[in-house]
Amino acid sequence: MKDASTRFPCRALTAGWLALSLTACSGPVNNQQGYMPEQPVAFSHAVHAGQYGLDCQYCHVGAEKSRHAGVPSTSVCMNCHTQVKTDSPEIKKVAAAVAENKPLAWVRIHRLPDHAYFNHASHVSAGLDCQTCHGPVQEMVRVEQKEPMTMGWCLDCHRDTAAKQVSAPPPSSPRAGELLALSSGAPAPEPLKAPRILQPPTDCSSCHR
């Protein structure tokens, strides 16, 4: 068994780290709000999502059904750009990446800490607009992080949504029995009798798993 003189340095070290942690956390958190890095291709959301009205999920296909929204592959870009603006220097970068079978090294902008769990699907399927978290992306020539995305910011949204008794939109994907009814003439399932009221969680384990 260790005596008090052996245990004391460990206690002192622990107390020192605690004091250092509290001091370090007393200032503002670096949440990368306003971060707007240069990208390998000068892609303009203002042109694609704003001027031409492309749906976010045409490129970010995982947003409604996955934890991650996903970054579009170069082949998605070339669905249009084999015919559109093929002489553009920026499009030539994309075409070269496709020809070399290499992904573009997009710079990630929105990043939560590793200890925070976030699922795009649960938010998008609840009717949350992309702009709620990402700002007016349809107006951005170069995307930046508009919101702080801190724990308090997320909790404020969850609490406000619960207090307002917001109804979830009807599911966009077919419900059980609907495809069968369309293909076989079977009776369609009964419509939902009551809207689903959103109850976003505020307990620790929902986001810290």
C-alpha atoms as a PDB file:
ATOM      1  CA  MET A   1       0.000   0.000   0.000  1.00  0.00           C
ATOM      2  CA  LYS A   2       1.320   3.450  -0.959  1.00  0.00           C
ATOM      3  CA  ASP A   3       1.851   5.970   1.810  1.00  0.00           C
ATOM      4  CA  ALA A   4       0.669   9.584   1.782  1.00  0.00           C
ATOM      5  CA  SER A   5       3.970  10.901   0.459  1.00  0.00           C
ATOM      6  CA  THR A   6       3.683   8.661  -2.603  1.00  0.00           C
ATOM      7  CA  ARG A   7       0.066   9.553  -3.290  1.00  0.00           C
ATOM      8  CA  PHE A   8       0.447  13.324  -2.864  1.00  0.00           C
ATOM      9  CA  PRO A   9       2.197  14.080  -6.209  1.00  0.00           C
ATOM     10  CA  CYS A  10      -0.616  12.345  -8.063  1.00  0.00           C
ATOM     11  CA  ARG A  11      -3.234  14.386  -6.221  1.00  0.00           C
ATOM     12  CA  ALA A  12      -1.294  17.587  -6.823  1.00  0.00           C
ATOM     13  CA  LEU A  13      -0.947  16.772 -10.511  1.00  0.00           C
ATOM     14  CA  THR A  14      -4.680  16.093 -10.794  1.00  0.00           C
ATOM     15  CA  ALA A  15      -5.515  19.364  -9.068  1.00  0.00           C
ATOM     16  CA  GLY A  16      -3.093  21.190 -11.343  1.00  0.00           C
ATOM     17  CA  TRP A  17      -4.660  19.766 -14.486  1.00  0.00           C
ATOM     18  CA  LEU A  18      -8.135  20.644 -13.199  1.00  0.00           C
ATOM     19  CA  ALA A  19      -7.092  24.239 -12.536  1.00  0.00           C
ATOM     20  CA  LEU A  20      -5.467  24.456 -15.963  1.00  0.00           C
ATOM     21  CA  SER A  21      -8.605  23.037 -17.648  1.00  0.00           C
ATOM     22  CA  LEU A  22     -10.901  25.494 -15.898  1.00  0.00           C
ATOM     23  CA  THR A  23      -8.629  28.370 -16.853  1.00  0.00           C
ATOM     24  CA  ALA A  24      -8.392  27.230 -20.459  1.00  0.00           C
ATOM     25  CA  CYS A  25     -12.186  26.961 -20.769  1.00  0.00           C
ATOM     26  CA  SER A  26     -12.930  30.368 -19.300  1.00  0.00           C
ATOM     27  CA  GLY A  27     -12.637  32.151 -22.652  1.00  0.00           C
ATOM     28  CA  PRO A  28     -14.708  31.833 -25.838  1.00  0.00           C
ATOM     29  CA  VAL A  29     -14.805  28.444 -27.530  1.00  0.00           C
ATOM     30  CA  ASN A  30     -13.137  28.261 -30.932  1.00  0.00           C
ATOM     31  CA  ASN A  31     -16.120  26.989 -32.899  1.00  0.00           C
ATOM     32  CA  GLN A  32     -14.857  27.933 -36.389  1.00  0.00           C
ATOM     33  CA  GLN A  33     -17.793  30.249 -36.986  1.00  0.00           C
ATOM     34  CA  GLY A  34     -16.963  32.250 -40.099  1.00  0.00           C
ATOM     35  CA  TYR A  35     -14.545  29.603 -41.421  1.00  0.00           C
ATOM     36  CA  MET A  36     -14.469  29.936 -45.224  1.00  0.00           C
ATOM     37  CA  PRO A  37     -11.569  27.960 -46.738  1.00  0.00           C
ATOM     38  CA  GLU A  38     -10.583  27.991 -50.380  1.00  0.00           C
ATOM     39  CA  GLN A  39     -11.683  24.836 -52.185  1.00  0.00           C
ATOM     40  CA  PRO A  40      -9.874  22.874 -54.910  1.00  0.00           C
ATOM     41  CA  VAL A  41     -12.631  23.869 -57.358  1.00  0.00           C
ATOM     42  CA  ALA A  42     -14.394  27.230 -57.158  1.00  0.00           C
ATOM     43  CA  PHE A  43     -17.879  25.752 -56.828  1.00  0.00           C
ATOM     44  CA  SER A  44     -20.613  28.345 -56.284  1.00  0.00           C
ATOM     45  CA  HIS A  45     -23.691  27.327 -54.319  1.00  0.00           C
ATOM     46  CA  ALA A  46     -25.161  30.714 -55.251  1.00  0.00           C
ATOM     47  CA  VAL A  47     -25.196  29.602 -58.897  1.00  0.00           C
ATOM     48  CA  HIS A  48     -26.229  25.977 -58.454  1.00  0.00           C
ATOM     49  CA  ALA A  49     -28.612  26.084 -55.462  1.00  0.00           C
ATOM     50  CA  GLY A  50     -29.623  29.734 -55.814  1.00  0.00           C
ATOM     51  CA  GLN A  51     -29.777  30.705 -59.484  1.00  0.00           C
ATOM     52  CA  TYR A  52     -30.658  27.254 -60.855  1.00  0.00           C
ATOM     53  CA  GLY A  53     -32.492  25.904 -57.804  1.00  0.00           C
ATOM     54  CA  LEU A  54     -30.796  22.517 -57.563  1.00  0.00           C
ATOM     55  CA  ASP A  55     -32.091  20.541 -54.594  1.00  0.00           C
ATOM     56  CA  CYS A  56     -29.481  20.053 -51.873  1.00  0.00           C
ATOM     57  CA  GLN A  57     -30.023  16.301 -51.914  1.00  0.00           C
ATOM     58  CA  TYR A  58     -29.198  15.985 -55.593  1.00  0.00           C
ATOM     59  CA  CYS A  59     -25.564  16.382 -54.542  1.00  0.00           C
ATOM     60  CA  HIS A  60     -25.723  15.541 -50.824  1.00  0.00           C
ATOM     61  CA  VAL A  61     -27.577  12.275 -51.287  1.00  0.00           C
ATOM     62  CA  GLY A  62     -27.138  10.964 -47.755  1.00  0.00           C
ATOM     63  CA  ALA A  63     -28.800  13.861 -45.946  1.00  0.00           C
ATOM     64  CA  GLU A  64     -32.269  12.270 -45.685  1.00  0.00           C
ATOM     65  CA  LYS A  65     -31.262   8.670 -45.039  1.00  0.00           C
ATOM     66  CA  SER A  66     -27.842   8.673 -43.408  1.00  0.00           C
ATOM     67  CA  ARG A  67     -25.936  10.167 -40.523  1.00  0.00           C
ATOM     68  CA  HIS A  68     -23.691  11.976 -43.000  1.00  0.00           C
ATOM     69  CA  ALA A  69     -24.952  14.214 -45.816  1.00  0.00           C
ATOM     70  CA  GLY A  70     -22.007  13.199 -47.991  1.00  0.00           C
ATOM     71  CA  VAL A  71     -19.893  15.029 -50.526  1.00  0.00           C
ATOM     72  CA  PRO A  72     -20.887  14.496 -54.173  1.00  0.00           C
ATOM     73  CA  SER A  73     -18.580  12.454 -56.335  1.00  0.00           C
ATOM     74  CA  THR A  74     -17.061  14.055 -59.418  1.00  0.00           C
ATOM     75  CA  SER A  75     -19.328  11.899 -61.586  1.00  0.00           C
ATOM     76  CA  VAL A  76     -22.354  13.762 -60.174  1.00  0.00           C
ATOM     77  CA  CYS A  77     -20.846  17.041 -61.362  1.00  0.00           C
ATOM     78  CA  MET A  78     -20.248  15.575 -64.795  1.00  0.00           C
ATOM     79  CA  ASN A  79     -23.913  14.573 -65.143  1.00  0.00           C
ATOM     80  CA  CYS A  80     -24.349  18.158 -66.349  1.00  0.00           C
ATOM     81  CA  HIS A  81     -20.859  19.317 -67.154  1.00  0.00           C
ATOM     82  CA  THR A  82     -20.128  16.902 -69.969  1.00  0.00           C
ATOM     83  CA  GLN A  83     -22.367  19.338 -71.872  1.00  0.00           C
ATOM     84  CA  VAL A  84     -22.381  22.561 -69.815  1.00  0.00           C
ATOM     85  CA  LYS A  85     -19.394  24.964 -69.599  1.00  0.00           C
ATOM     86  CA  THR A  86     -16.945  22.303 -70.713  1.00  0.00           C
ATOM     87  CA  ASP A  87     -14.335  24.965 -71.532  1.00  0.00           C
ATOM     88  CA  SER A  88     -14.337  26.375 -67.966  1.00  0.00           C
ATOM     89  CA  PRO A  89     -10.971  25.991 -66.180  1.00  0.00           C
ATOM     90  CA  GLU A  90     -12.817  24.861 -63.039  1.00  0.00           C
ATOM     91  CA  ILE A  91     -14.792  22.217 -64.920  1.00  0.00           C
ATOM     92  CA  LYS A  92     -11.572  21.002 -66.514  1.00  0.00           C
ATOM     93  CA  LYS A  93     -10.262  20.298 -62.992  1.00  0.00           C
ATOM     94  CA  VAL A  94     -13.306  18.125 -62.343  1.00  0.00           C
ATOM     95  CA  ALA A  95     -12.992  16.362 -65.698  1.00  0.00           C
ATOM     96  CA  ALA A  96      -9.318  15.665 -65.008  1.00  0.00           C
ATOM     97  CA  ALA A  97     -10.192  14.120 -61.639  1.00  0.00           C
ATOM     98  CA  VAL A  98     -12.749  11.871 -63.344  1.00  0.00           C
ATOM     99  CA  ALA A  99     -10.238  10.857 -66.022  1.00  0.00           C
ATOM    100  CA  GLU A 100      -7.652  10.002 -63.350  1.00  0.00           C
ATOM    101  CA  ASN A 101     -10.277   8.265 -61.172  1.00  0.00           C
ATOM    102  CA  LYS A 102      -9.299  10.444 -58.214  1.00  0.00           C
ATOM    103  CA  PRO A 103     -11.599  12.291 -55.808  1.00  0.00           C
ATOM    104  CA  LEU A 104     -11.360  16.036 -55.380  1.00  0.00           C
ATOM    105  CA  ALA A 105      -9.778  17.054 -52.071  1.00  0.00           C
ATOM    106  CA  TRP A 106     -12.665  19.183 -50.797  1.00  0.00           C
ATOM    107  CA  VAL A 107     -11.907  21.019 -47.556  1.00  0.00           C
ATOM    108  CA  ARG A 108     -14.369  20.139 -44.806  1.00  0.00           C
ATOM    109  CA  ILE A 109     -16.037  23.176 -43.218  1.00  0.00           C
ATOM    110  CA  HIS A 110     -18.637  21.959 -40.713  1.00  0.00           C
ATOM    111  CA  ARG A 111     -17.151  19.598 -38.148  1.00  0.00           C
ATOM    112  CA  LEU A 112     -18.521  18.680 -34.730  1.00  0.00           C
ATOM    113  CA  PRO A 113     -16.256  17.315 -31.986  1.00  0.00           C
ATOM    114  CA  ASP A 114     -15.690  13.560 -31.988  1.00  0.00           C
ATOM    115  CA  HIS A 115     -17.593  13.242 -28.706  1.00  0.00           C
ATOM    116  CA  ALA A 116     -20.766  14.740 -30.221  1.00  0.00           C
ATOM    117  CA  TYR A 117     -23.154  12.527 -32.211  1.00  0.00           C
ATOM    118  CA  PHE A 118     -25.197  14.112 -34.987  1.00  0.00           C
ATOM    119  CA  ASN A 119     -27.479  12.422 -37.505  1.00  0.00           C
ATOM    120  CA  HIS A 120     -28.521  14.309 -40.641  1.00  0.00           C
ATOM    121  CA  ALA A 121     -31.345  11.862 -41.413  1.00  0.00           C
ATOM    122  CA  SER A 122     -33.222  12.458 -38.161  1.00  0.00           C
ATOM    123  CA  HIS A 123     -33.121  16.225 -38.707  1.00  0.00           C
ATOM    124  CA  VAL A 124     -33.934  16.285 -42.426  1.00  0.00           C
ATOM    125  CA  SER A 125     -36.779  13.765 -42.043  1.00  0.00           C
ATOM    126  CA  ALA A 126     -38.173  15.988 -39.266  1.00  0.00           C
ATOM    127  CA  GLY A 127     -38.498  18.817 -41.777  1.00  0.00           C
ATOM    128  CA  LEU A 128     -35.519  20.902 -40.716  1.00  0.00           C
ATOM    129  CA  ASP A 129     -34.316  23.145 -43.534  1.00  0.00           C
ATOM    130  CA  CYS A 130     -30.627  22.871 -44.402  1.00  0.00           C
ATOM    131  CA  GLN A 131     -30.360  26.632 -43.909  1.00  0.00           C
ATOM    132  CA  THR A 132     -31.268  26.293 -40.219  1.00  0.00           C
ATOM    133  CA  CYS A 133     -27.802  24.950 -39.464  1.00  0.00           C
ATOM    134  CA  HIS A 134     -25.831  25.890 -42.565  1.00  0.00           C
ATOM    135  CA  GLY A 135     -27.129  29.403 -43.169  1.00  0.00           C
ATOM    136  CA  PRO A 136     -28.267  30.766 -46.565  1.00  0.00           C
ATOM    137  CA  VAL A 137     -26.081  28.411 -48.591  1.00  0.00           C
ATOM    138  CA  GLN A 138     -28.041  29.250 -51.735  1.00  0.00           C
ATOM    139  CA  GLU A 139     -26.514  32.743 -51.537  1.00  0.00           C
ATOM    140  CA  MET A 140     -22.908  31.675 -50.902  1.00  0.00           C
ATOM    141  CA  VAL A 141     -20.304  31.871 -53.635  1.00  0.00           C
ATOM    142  CA  ARG A 142     -17.896  30.196 -51.201  1.00  0.00           C
ATOM    143  CA  VAL A 143     -19.430  28.240 -48.333  1.00  0.00           C
ATOM    144  CA  GLU A 144     -18.673  29.309 -44.780  1.00  0.00           C
ATOM    145  CA  GLN A 145     -19.785  28.187 -41.331  1.00  0.00           C
ATOM    146  CA  LYS A 146     -22.481  30.690 -40.372  1.00  0.00           C
ATOM    147  CA  GLU A 147     -23.671  29.283 -37.034  1.00  0.00           C
ATOM    148  CA  PRO A 148     -21.626  28.519 -33.897  1.00  0.00           C
ATOM    149  CA  MET A 149     -22.841  24.885 -33.685  1.00  0.00           C
ATOM    150  CA  THR A 150     -22.049  24.746 -29.975  1.00  0.00           C
ATOM    151  CA  MET A 151     -23.881  22.492 -27.521  1.00  0.00           C
ATOM    152  CA  GLY A 152     -25.873  25.423 -26.162  1.00  0.00           C
ATOM    153  CA  TRP A 153     -26.903  26.472 -29.673  1.00  0.00           C
ATOM    154  CA  CYS A 154     -28.191  22.961 -30.427  1.00  0.00           C
ATOM    155  CA  LEU A 155     -30.004  22.695 -27.084  1.00  0.00           C
ATOM    156  CA  ASP A 156     -31.711  26.046 -27.621  1.00  0.00           C
ATOM    157  CA  CYS A 157     -33.108  24.757 -30.908  1.00  0.00           C
ATOM    158  CA  HIS A 158     -34.265  21.461 -29.364  1.00  0.00           C
ATOM    159  CA  ARG A 159     -35.986  23.203 -26.466  1.00  0.00           C
ATOM    160  CA  ASP A 160     -37.615  25.805 -28.700  1.00  0.00           C
ATOM    161  CA  THR A 161     -38.912  23.113 -31.075  1.00  0.00           C
ATOM    162  CA  ALA A 162     -40.371  21.075 -28.202  1.00  0.00           C
ATOM    163  CA  ALA A 163     -42.019  24.142 -26.666  1.00  0.00           C
ATOM    164  CA  LYS A 164     -43.689  25.081 -29.957  1.00  0.00           C
ATOM    165  CA  GLN A 165     -45.126  21.559 -30.460  1.00  0.00           C
ATOM    166  CA  VAL A 166     -43.897  21.453 -34.053  1.00  0.00           C
ATOM    167  CA  SER A 167     -45.400  18.747 -36.270  1.00  0.00           C
ATOM    168  CA  ALA A 168     -43.130  16.603 -38.413  1.00  0.00           C
ATOM    169  CA  PRO A 169     -43.899  16.619 -42.152  1.00  0.00           C
ATOM    170  CA  PRO A 170     -45.338  13.464 -43.726  1.00  0.00           C
ATOM    171  CA  PRO A 171     -42.607  11.002 -44.751  1.00  0.00           C
ATOM    172  CA  SER A 172     -41.316  11.492 -48.272  1.00  0.00           C
ATOM    173  CA  SER A 173     -40.495   7.811 -48.723  1.00  0.00           C
ATOM    174  CA  PRO A 174     -43.345   5.309 -49.232  1.00  0.00           C
ATOM    175  CA  ARG A 175     -44.824   3.773 -46.080  1.00  0.00           C
ATOM    176  CA  ALA A 176     -45.286   0.049 -45.634  1.00  0.00           C
ATOM    177  CA  GLY A 177     -47.969  -1.146 -48.061  1.00  0.00           C
ATOM    178  CA  GLU A 178     -48.013   1.887 -50.361  1.00  0.00           C
ATOM    179  CA  LEU A 179     -45.780   0.399 -53.065  1.00  0.00           C
ATOM    180  CA  LEU A 180     -47.733  -2.851 -52.920  1.00  0.00           C
ATOM    181  CA  ALA A 181     -50.984  -0.931 -53.374  1.00  0.00           C
ATOM    182  CA  LEU A 182     -49.604   0.902 -56.402  1.00  0.00           C
ATOM    183  CA  SER A 183     -48.311  -2.270 -58.082  1.00  0.00           C
ATOM    184  CA  SER A 184     -51.066  -4.757 -57.264  1.00  0.00           C
ATOM    185  CA  GLY A 185     -54.232  -2.778 -56.712  1.00  0.00           C
ATOM    186  CA  ALA A 186     -54.350  -3.780 -53.034  1.00  0.00           C
ATOM    187  CA  PRO A 187     -55.954  -1.361 -50.570  1.00  0.00           C
ATOM    188  CA  ALA A 188     -53.714   1.527 -49.610  1.00  0.00           C
ATOM    189  CA  PRO A 189     -52.713   1.808 -45.954  1.00  0.00           C
ATOM    190  CA  GLU A 190     -54.749   4.077 -43.746  1.00  0.00           C
ATOM    191  CA  PRO A 191     -53.507   7.667 -43.675  1.00  0.00           C
ATOM    192  CA  LEU A 192     -51.805   8.877 -40.547  1.00  0.00           C
ATOM    193  CA  LYS A 193     -54.541   9.960 -38.146  1.00  0.00           C
ATOM    194  CA  ALA A 194     -52.461  12.463 -36.183  1.00  0.00           C
ATOM    195  CA  PRO A 195     -49.301  14.344 -37.045  1.00  0.00           C
ATOM    196  CA  ARG A 196     -46.131  13.323 -35.271  1.00  0.00           C
ATOM    197  CA  ILE A 197     -45.174  15.998 -32.767  1.00  0.00           C
ATOM    198  CA  LEU A 198     -41.433  16.527 -32.657  1.00  0.00           C
ATOM    199  CA  GLN A 199     -39.824  15.880 -29.288  1.00  0.00           C
ATOM    200  CA  PRO A 200     -36.106  16.526 -29.796  1.00  0.00           C
ATOM    201  CA  PRO A 201     -34.098  15.139 -26.873  1.00  0.00           C
ATOM    202  CA  THR A 202     -32.141  17.230 -24.420  1.00  0.00           C
ATOM    203  CA  ASP A 203     -30.588  14.455 -22.340  1.00  0.00           C
ATOM    204  CA  CYS A 204     -26.818  13.967 -22.434  1.00  0.00           C
ATOM    205  CA  SER A 205     -26.807  10.432 -23.874  1.00  0.00           C
ATOM    206  CA  SER A 206     -28.617  11.464 -27.076  1.00  0.00           C
ATOM    207  CA  CYS A 207     -25.610  13.366 -28.371  1.00  0.00           C
ATOM    208  CA  HIS A 208     -22.801  11.924 -26.239  1.00  0.00           C
ATOM    209  CA  ARG A 209     -22.831   8.190 -26.889  1.00  0.00           C
END
